[in-house]
């Protein structure tokens, strides 16, 4: 591998955690990059995202999701202008895929704003009808063999569960019924693990194939996805995407396939990436051991404190 290949840079748009008006409103108001992107989003949707965000009580509402997208893109704008960022690859784990699609110009930003809003409505309708009691629990310091034992017991009792994320060694996301959550958290604790937070509704679970179908048939056909101008690394298996069809598949895979961050890291390392810019509100990916031990990490964006998810 040549020296030039060893000094490549990746831009990473983080996944979305719980956030509300108090955490992002100030950034949207004061940051010049965010104000510009917010004006574009307002024009695309025909309403004030800021006003809807201010009255929202849902951590994953339509307005909250659009605001997160705005802040992520604004952070990338700042990274380019103030840090001189010129990335070689792009990654968008989980919700970050939407910002990634805009950044690599597979869709213009206003269209990604509209797509984000439509998908938020689609998800809300789906979880109103199906899997109303499904949650996704995130936890750390849990050996794989211990987790396998816990999930085996859950399955033997006839209870549903799905892996929703492999984030790091001993760091997982699992979707299950809310009625089993307290038992699951206790079992994790007894195994030496530590529970972090629970997402409502659940995400990235194979059981949600119907949600994927709705998005594929009712929403994505409205948008003309183009070949990305920058290679994109999928968060499901680390595949490098260079075509419109592959990027469309990636956007759909997020509904029913788990995140696999270790595979993303392996792909970036194999491509010679040594520096990573994480652009957007991030409480997770820059803190992962696998991230910190393999890359020089630069975070650009508004900070926010983690807190429990609020139900819709």
Protein backbone atom coordinates (compact mmCIF):
# COMPACT_ATOMS: atom_id res chain seq x y z
CA UNK A 1 0.00 0.00 0.00
CA UNK A 2 1.44 3.39 -0.96
CA UNK A 3 1.76 6.37 1.36
CA UNK A 4 -1.03 8.22 -0.47
CA UNK A 5 -3.36 5.26 -0.02
CA UNK A 6 -2.68 5.27 3.71
CA UNK A 7 -3.79 8.84 4.25
CA UNK A 8 -7.33 8.81 2.89
CA UNK A 9 -10.16 10.56 4.68
CA UNK A 10 -13.76 9.51 5.30
CA UNK A 11 -16.77 11.63 6.19
CA UNK A 12 -19.29 9.98 8.51
CA UNK A 13 -22.83 11.24 9.07
CA UNK A 14 -23.94 9.85 12.45
CA UNK A 15 -27.09 7.97 13.26
CA UNK A 16 -29.85 9.79 15.06
CA UNK A 17 -30.27 9.66 18.81
CA UNK A 18 -33.00 11.24 20.92
CA UNK A 19 -33.02 15.00 20.43
CA UNK A 20 -35.44 17.85 20.99
CA UNK A 21 -35.86 21.55 20.49
CA UNK A 22 -33.70 22.58 23.44
CA UNK A 23 -30.76 20.60 22.05
CA UNK A 24 -30.85 21.62 18.40
CA UNK A 25 -32.85 24.84 18.31
CA UNK A 26 -29.94 27.04 19.37
CA UNK A 27 -27.71 25.56 16.68
CA UNK A 28 -30.38 26.04 14.03
CA UNK A 29 -30.81 29.67 15.11
CA UNK A 30 -27.21 30.78 15.55
CA UNK A 31 -25.07 28.71 13.21
CA UNK A 32 -24.83 30.36 9.76
CA UNK A 33 -24.38 27.02 7.98
CA UNK A 34 -27.46 25.61 9.72
CA UNK A 35 -29.55 28.69 8.95
CA UNK A 36 -28.80 28.32 5.26
CA UNK A 37 -29.69 24.63 5.20
CA UNK A 38 -32.80 25.27 7.31
CA UNK A 39 -34.06 27.82 4.80
CA UNK A 40 -33.65 25.23 2.04
CA UNK A 41 -35.57 22.68 4.11
CA UNK A 42 -38.41 25.13 4.79
CA UNK A 43 -38.70 25.86 1.07
CA UNK A 44 -38.71 22.15 0.24
CA UNK A 45 -41.48 21.32 2.71
CA UNK A 46 -43.55 24.50 2.59
CA UNK A 47 -43.56 24.95 6.36
CA UNK A 48 -41.26 26.16 9.13
CA UNK A 49 -39.24 23.21 10.41
CA UNK A 50 -38.12 25.33 13.37
CA UNK A 51 -41.70 26.10 14.44
CA UNK A 52 -42.76 22.46 14.20
CA UNK A 53 -39.66 21.34 16.05
CA UNK A 54 -40.40 23.79 18.85
CA UNK A 55 -43.83 22.26 19.50
CA UNK A 56 -42.85 18.62 18.95
CA UNK A 57 -42.86 16.21 21.88
CA UNK A 58 -41.54 13.30 19.83
CA UNK A 59 -37.80 12.60 19.67
CA UNK A 60 -38.22 11.10 16.19
CA UNK A 61 -40.95 13.28 14.71
CA UNK A 62 -40.90 14.41 11.11
CA UNK A 63 -39.60 17.85 12.08
CA UNK A 64 -37.00 16.40 14.44
CA UNK A 65 -35.68 14.10 11.74
CA UNK A 66 -35.48 16.93 9.22
CA UNK A 67 -33.72 19.13 11.78
CA UNK A 68 -31.16 16.40 12.42
CA UNK A 69 -30.58 16.13 8.67
CA UNK A 70 -30.15 19.92 8.46
CA UNK A 71 -27.63 19.95 11.31
CA UNK A 72 -25.65 17.09 9.81
CA UNK A 73 -25.39 18.76 6.41
CA UNK A 74 -24.54 22.10 8.02
CA UNK A 75 -21.75 20.40 9.96
CA UNK A 76 -20.38 18.97 6.71
CA UNK A 77 -20.50 22.44 5.16
CA UNK A 78 -18.46 23.77 8.08
CA UNK A 79 -15.98 20.90 7.85
CA UNK A 80 -15.36 21.69 4.20
CA UNK A 81 -15.03 25.44 4.60
CA UNK A 82 -13.21 25.66 7.92
CA UNK A 83 -11.32 22.36 8.09
CA UNK A 84 -10.60 21.92 4.40
CA UNK A 85 -12.35 18.56 4.30
CA UNK A 86 -12.11 16.74 0.96
CA UNK A 87 -13.17 13.16 1.73
CA UNK A 88 -12.38 10.04 -0.25
CA UNK A 89 -15.27 7.95 1.09
CA UNK A 90 -18.61 8.59 2.77
CA UNK A 91 -20.48 6.64 5.44
CA UNK A 92 -23.94 7.22 6.88
CA UNK A 93 -24.83 4.66 9.55
CA UNK A 94 -28.56 4.36 10.24
CA UNK A 95 -30.30 7.74 9.81
CA UNK A 96 -27.02 9.15 8.54
CA UNK A 97 -27.72 7.47 5.20
CA UNK A 98 -30.04 10.34 4.29
CA UNK A 99 -27.38 13.01 4.76
CA UNK A 100 -24.91 10.77 2.94
CA UNK A 101 -27.25 10.50 -0.05
CA UNK A 102 -27.40 14.29 -0.27
CA UNK A 103 -23.68 14.77 0.27
CA UNK A 104 -22.68 12.42 -2.55
CA UNK A 105 -25.32 14.06 -4.78
CA UNK A 106 -27.39 10.97 -5.39
CA UNK A 107 -30.31 13.27 -4.57
CA UNK A 108 -30.39 17.06 -4.26
CA UNK A 109 -30.65 18.24 -0.67
CA UNK A 110 -34.25 19.55 -1.03
CA UNK A 111 -35.33 16.15 -2.34
CA UNK A 112 -33.62 14.39 0.56
CA UNK A 113 -35.53 16.71 2.90
CA UNK A 114 -38.82 15.67 1.29
CA UNK A 115 -37.78 12.02 1.28
CA UNK A 116 -36.95 12.24 4.99
CA UNK A 117 -40.34 13.72 5.78
CA UNK A 118 -42.20 11.12 3.71
CA UNK A 119 -40.30 8.23 5.25
CA UNK A 120 -41.00 9.62 8.74
CA UNK A 121 -44.72 9.58 7.97
CA UNK A 122 -44.46 6.07 6.53
CA UNK A 123 -42.66 4.78 9.62
CA UNK A 124 -45.19 6.42 11.92
CA UNK A 125 -48.08 4.79 10.08
CA UNK A 126 -46.36 1.40 10.09
CA UNK A 127 -45.61 1.39 13.80
CA UNK A 128 -49.11 2.60 14.56
CA UNK A 129 -50.42 -0.53 12.84
CA UNK A 130 -47.64 -3.07 13.45
CA UNK A 131 -45.20 -3.82 16.27
CA UNK A 132 -46.66 -1.11 18.50
CA UNK A 133 -44.79 -2.58 21.47
CA UNK A 134 -41.42 -3.11 19.75
CA UNK A 135 -38.34 -1.34 21.14
CA UNK A 136 -34.63 -1.41 20.34
CA UNK A 137 -32.32 -1.65 23.35
CA UNK A 138 -28.65 -0.62 23.20
CA UNK A 139 -26.13 -2.02 25.69
CA UNK A 140 -22.38 -2.49 26.21
CA UNK A 141 -19.82 -4.72 27.93
CA UNK A 142 -21.79 -7.87 27.13
CA UNK A 143 -19.78 -10.87 25.83
CA UNK A 144 -21.29 -12.47 22.73
CA UNK A 145 -21.54 -15.89 24.38
CA UNK A 146 -23.50 -14.44 27.31
CA UNK A 147 -25.82 -12.54 24.97
CA UNK A 148 -26.41 -15.71 22.94
CA UNK A 149 -27.50 -17.50 26.13
CA UNK A 150 -29.88 -14.68 27.03
CA UNK A 151 -31.44 -14.56 23.57
CA UNK A 152 -31.72 -18.35 23.43
CA UNK A 153 -33.73 -18.28 26.64
CA UNK A 154 -35.92 -15.53 25.20
CA UNK A 155 -36.52 -17.57 22.05
CA UNK A 156 -37.30 -20.73 23.99
CA UNK A 157 -40.11 -18.85 25.72
CA UNK A 158 -41.54 -18.03 22.29
CA UNK A 159 -40.64 -14.36 22.48
CA UNK A 160 -39.58 -12.35 19.44
CA UNK A 161 -36.21 -10.64 19.14
CA UNK A 162 -33.90 -9.45 16.37
CA UNK A 163 -30.37 -8.11 16.28
CA UNK A 164 -30.52 -4.46 15.19
CA UNK A 165 -26.90 -3.48 15.54
CA UNK A 166 -23.36 -4.74 16.04
CA UNK A 167 -21.49 -1.64 17.16
CA UNK A 168 -18.30 -2.84 18.83
CA UNK A 169 -16.95 -5.70 20.92
CA UNK A 170 -19.67 -6.42 23.46
CA UNK A 171 -21.73 -3.49 22.16
CA UNK A 172 -25.10 -4.42 20.60
CA UNK A 173 -28.58 -3.27 19.66
CA UNK A 174 -31.40 -5.80 20.07
CA UNK A 175 -35.08 -5.33 19.22
CA UNK A 176 -37.73 -7.07 21.31
CA UNK A 177 -41.17 -6.62 22.81
CA UNK A 178 -41.41 -3.90 25.44
CA UNK A 179 -43.02 -6.38 27.82
CA UNK A 180 -39.70 -8.27 27.93
CA UNK A 181 -37.49 -5.20 28.29
CA UNK A 182 -37.10 -5.18 32.08
CA UNK A 183 -36.29 -8.89 32.12
CA UNK A 184 -33.78 -8.35 29.31
CA UNK A 185 -32.09 -5.41 31.05
CA UNK A 186 -31.77 -7.45 34.25
CA UNK A 187 -30.26 -10.37 32.33
CA UNK A 188 -27.79 -8.02 30.64
CA UNK A 189 -26.78 -6.63 34.01
CA UNK A 190 -26.30 -10.11 35.48
CA UNK A 191 -24.04 -10.94 32.52
CA UNK A 192 -21.84 -7.97 33.40
CA UNK A 193 -23.27 -5.67 30.76
CA UNK A 194 -24.55 -2.13 31.02
CA UNK A 195 -27.81 -0.86 29.48
CA UNK A 196 -27.55 2.49 27.72
CA UNK A 197 -30.84 3.54 26.13
CA UNK A 198 -33.98 2.25 24.47
CA UNK A 199 -35.40 3.48 21.17
CA UNK A 200 -39.15 3.66 20.60
CA UNK A 201 -40.19 2.55 18.04
CA UNK A 202 -37.65 -0.11 17.11
CA UNK A 203 -35.22 0.08 14.18
CA UNK A 204 -33.15 -2.06 11.79
CA UNK A 205 -34.90 -5.38 12.49
CA UNK A 206 -35.49 -8.20 9.97
CA UNK A 207 -39.08 -8.41 11.23
CA UNK A 208 -39.80 -5.05 9.58
CA UNK A 209 -39.80 -6.34 6.00
CA UNK A 210 -43.25 -4.84 5.46
CA UNK A 211 -41.94 -1.38 6.31
CA UNK A 212 -39.20 -1.89 3.73
CA UNK A 213 -41.80 -2.95 1.15
CA UNK A 214 -43.89 0.17 1.77
CA UNK A 215 -40.88 2.43 1.39
CA UNK A 216 -39.77 0.61 -1.76
CA UNK A 217 -43.16 0.67 -3.46
CA UNK A 218 -44.82 3.84 -2.19
CA UNK A 219 -42.05 6.38 -1.59
CA UNK A 220 -38.69 5.77 -3.27
CA UNK A 221 -40.17 5.49 -6.82
CA UNK A 222 -40.99 9.21 -6.56
CA UNK A 223 -37.28 10.07 -6.47
CA UNK A 224 -34.67 9.78 -9.19
CA UNK A 225 -31.60 8.46 -7.40
CA UNK A 226 -28.32 9.05 -9.24
CA UNK A 227 -24.91 7.45 -9.09
CA UNK A 228 -23.02 8.81 -6.08
CA UNK A 229 -20.20 11.27 -6.84
CA UNK A 230 -18.23 9.76 -3.93
CA UNK A 231 -18.05 6.07 -2.94
CA UNK A 232 -20.37 5.23 -0.04
CA UNK A 233 -19.73 2.46 2.48
CA UNK A 234 -22.91 0.67 3.54
CA UNK A 235 -23.47 0.39 7.27
CA UNK A 236 -24.96 -3.10 6.97
CA UNK A 237 -21.96 -5.03 5.61
CA UNK A 238 -19.29 -2.55 4.60
CA UNK A 239 -19.89 -2.88 0.86
CA UNK A 240 -18.65 0.06 -1.22
CA UNK A 241 -21.51 1.60 -3.22
CA UNK A 242 -20.81 3.35 -6.53
CA UNK A 243 -24.14 3.04 -8.40
CA UNK A 244 -27.64 4.43 -8.05
CA UNK A 245 -29.19 0.96 -7.77
CA UNK A 246 -26.82 -0.03 -4.98
CA UNK A 247 -27.47 3.19 -3.10
CA UNK A 248 -31.22 2.67 -3.38
CA UNK A 249 -30.78 -0.82 -1.96
CA UNK A 250 -28.73 0.61 0.91
CA UNK A 251 -31.51 3.06 1.75
CA UNK A 252 -33.98 0.18 1.91
CA UNK A 253 -31.68 -2.17 3.81
CA UNK A 254 -31.74 0.18 6.78
CA UNK A 255 -35.32 -0.85 7.55
CA UNK A 256 -34.75 -4.57 8.02
CA UNK A 257 -31.00 -5.20 8.32
CA UNK A 258 -28.86 -4.48 11.40
CA UNK A 259 -26.00 -1.98 11.51
CA UNK A 260 -22.55 -3.60 11.51
CA UNK A 261 -19.99 -0.93 12.42
CA UNK A 262 -17.01 -3.34 12.68
CA UNK A 263 -17.48 -4.22 8.99
CA UNK A 264 -17.57 -0.53 8.11
CA UNK A 265 -14.31 -0.01 9.99
CA UNK A 266 -12.71 -2.97 8.20
CA UNK A 267 -13.70 -1.56 4.81
CA UNK A 268 -12.37 1.91 5.63
CA UNK A 269 -9.09 0.48 6.90
CA UNK A 270 -8.78 -1.69 3.82
CA UNK A 271 -9.30 1.38 1.63
CA UNK A 272 -6.46 3.19 3.39
CA UNK A 273 -8.54 5.60 5.48
CA UNK A 274 -6.64 7.00 8.45
CA UNK A 275 -8.69 10.12 9.26
CA UNK A 276 -12.43 10.36 9.91
CA UNK A 277 -14.64 13.44 10.13
CA UNK A 278 -17.91 12.82 11.95
CA UNK A 279 -20.26 15.62 10.92
CA UNK A 280 -23.46 16.10 12.88
CA UNK A 281 -24.82 15.57 16.39
CA UNK A 282 -23.06 12.39 17.54
CA UNK A 283 -23.10 10.72 20.95
CA UNK A 284 -21.98 7.32 19.76
CA UNK A 285 -19.72 6.61 16.81
CA UNK A 286 -16.78 8.84 17.77
CA UNK A 287 -16.72 7.18 21.20
CA UNK A 288 -16.52 3.59 20.00
CA UNK A 289 -13.22 1.86 20.79
CA UNK A 290 -13.06 0.48 17.27
CA UNK A 291 -13.33 4.00 15.87
CA UNK A 292 -10.81 5.63 18.21
CA UNK A 293 -8.22 2.88 17.84
CA UNK A 294 -8.19 2.92 14.04
CA UNK A 295 -8.63 6.54 12.98
CA UNK A 296 -7.76 10.09 13.78
CA UNK A 297 -11.26 11.34 14.55
CA UNK A 298 -12.48 14.92 14.09
CA UNK A 299 -16.01 15.75 15.23
CA UNK A 300 -17.80 18.74 13.72
CA UNK A 301 -21.30 19.63 14.87
CA UNK A 302 -23.56 20.52 17.77
CA UNK A 303 -23.22 18.50 20.94
CA UNK A 304 -26.13 16.93 22.77
CA UNK A 305 -26.62 14.92 25.91
CA UNK A 306 -28.09 11.41 25.77
CA UNK A 307 -31.39 10.89 27.53
CA UNK A 308 -34.18 8.31 27.59
CA UNK A 309 -36.39 8.13 24.50
CA UNK A 310 -39.91 9.49 24.72
CA UNK A 311 -42.67 7.41 23.25
CA UNK A 312 -44.85 8.64 20.46
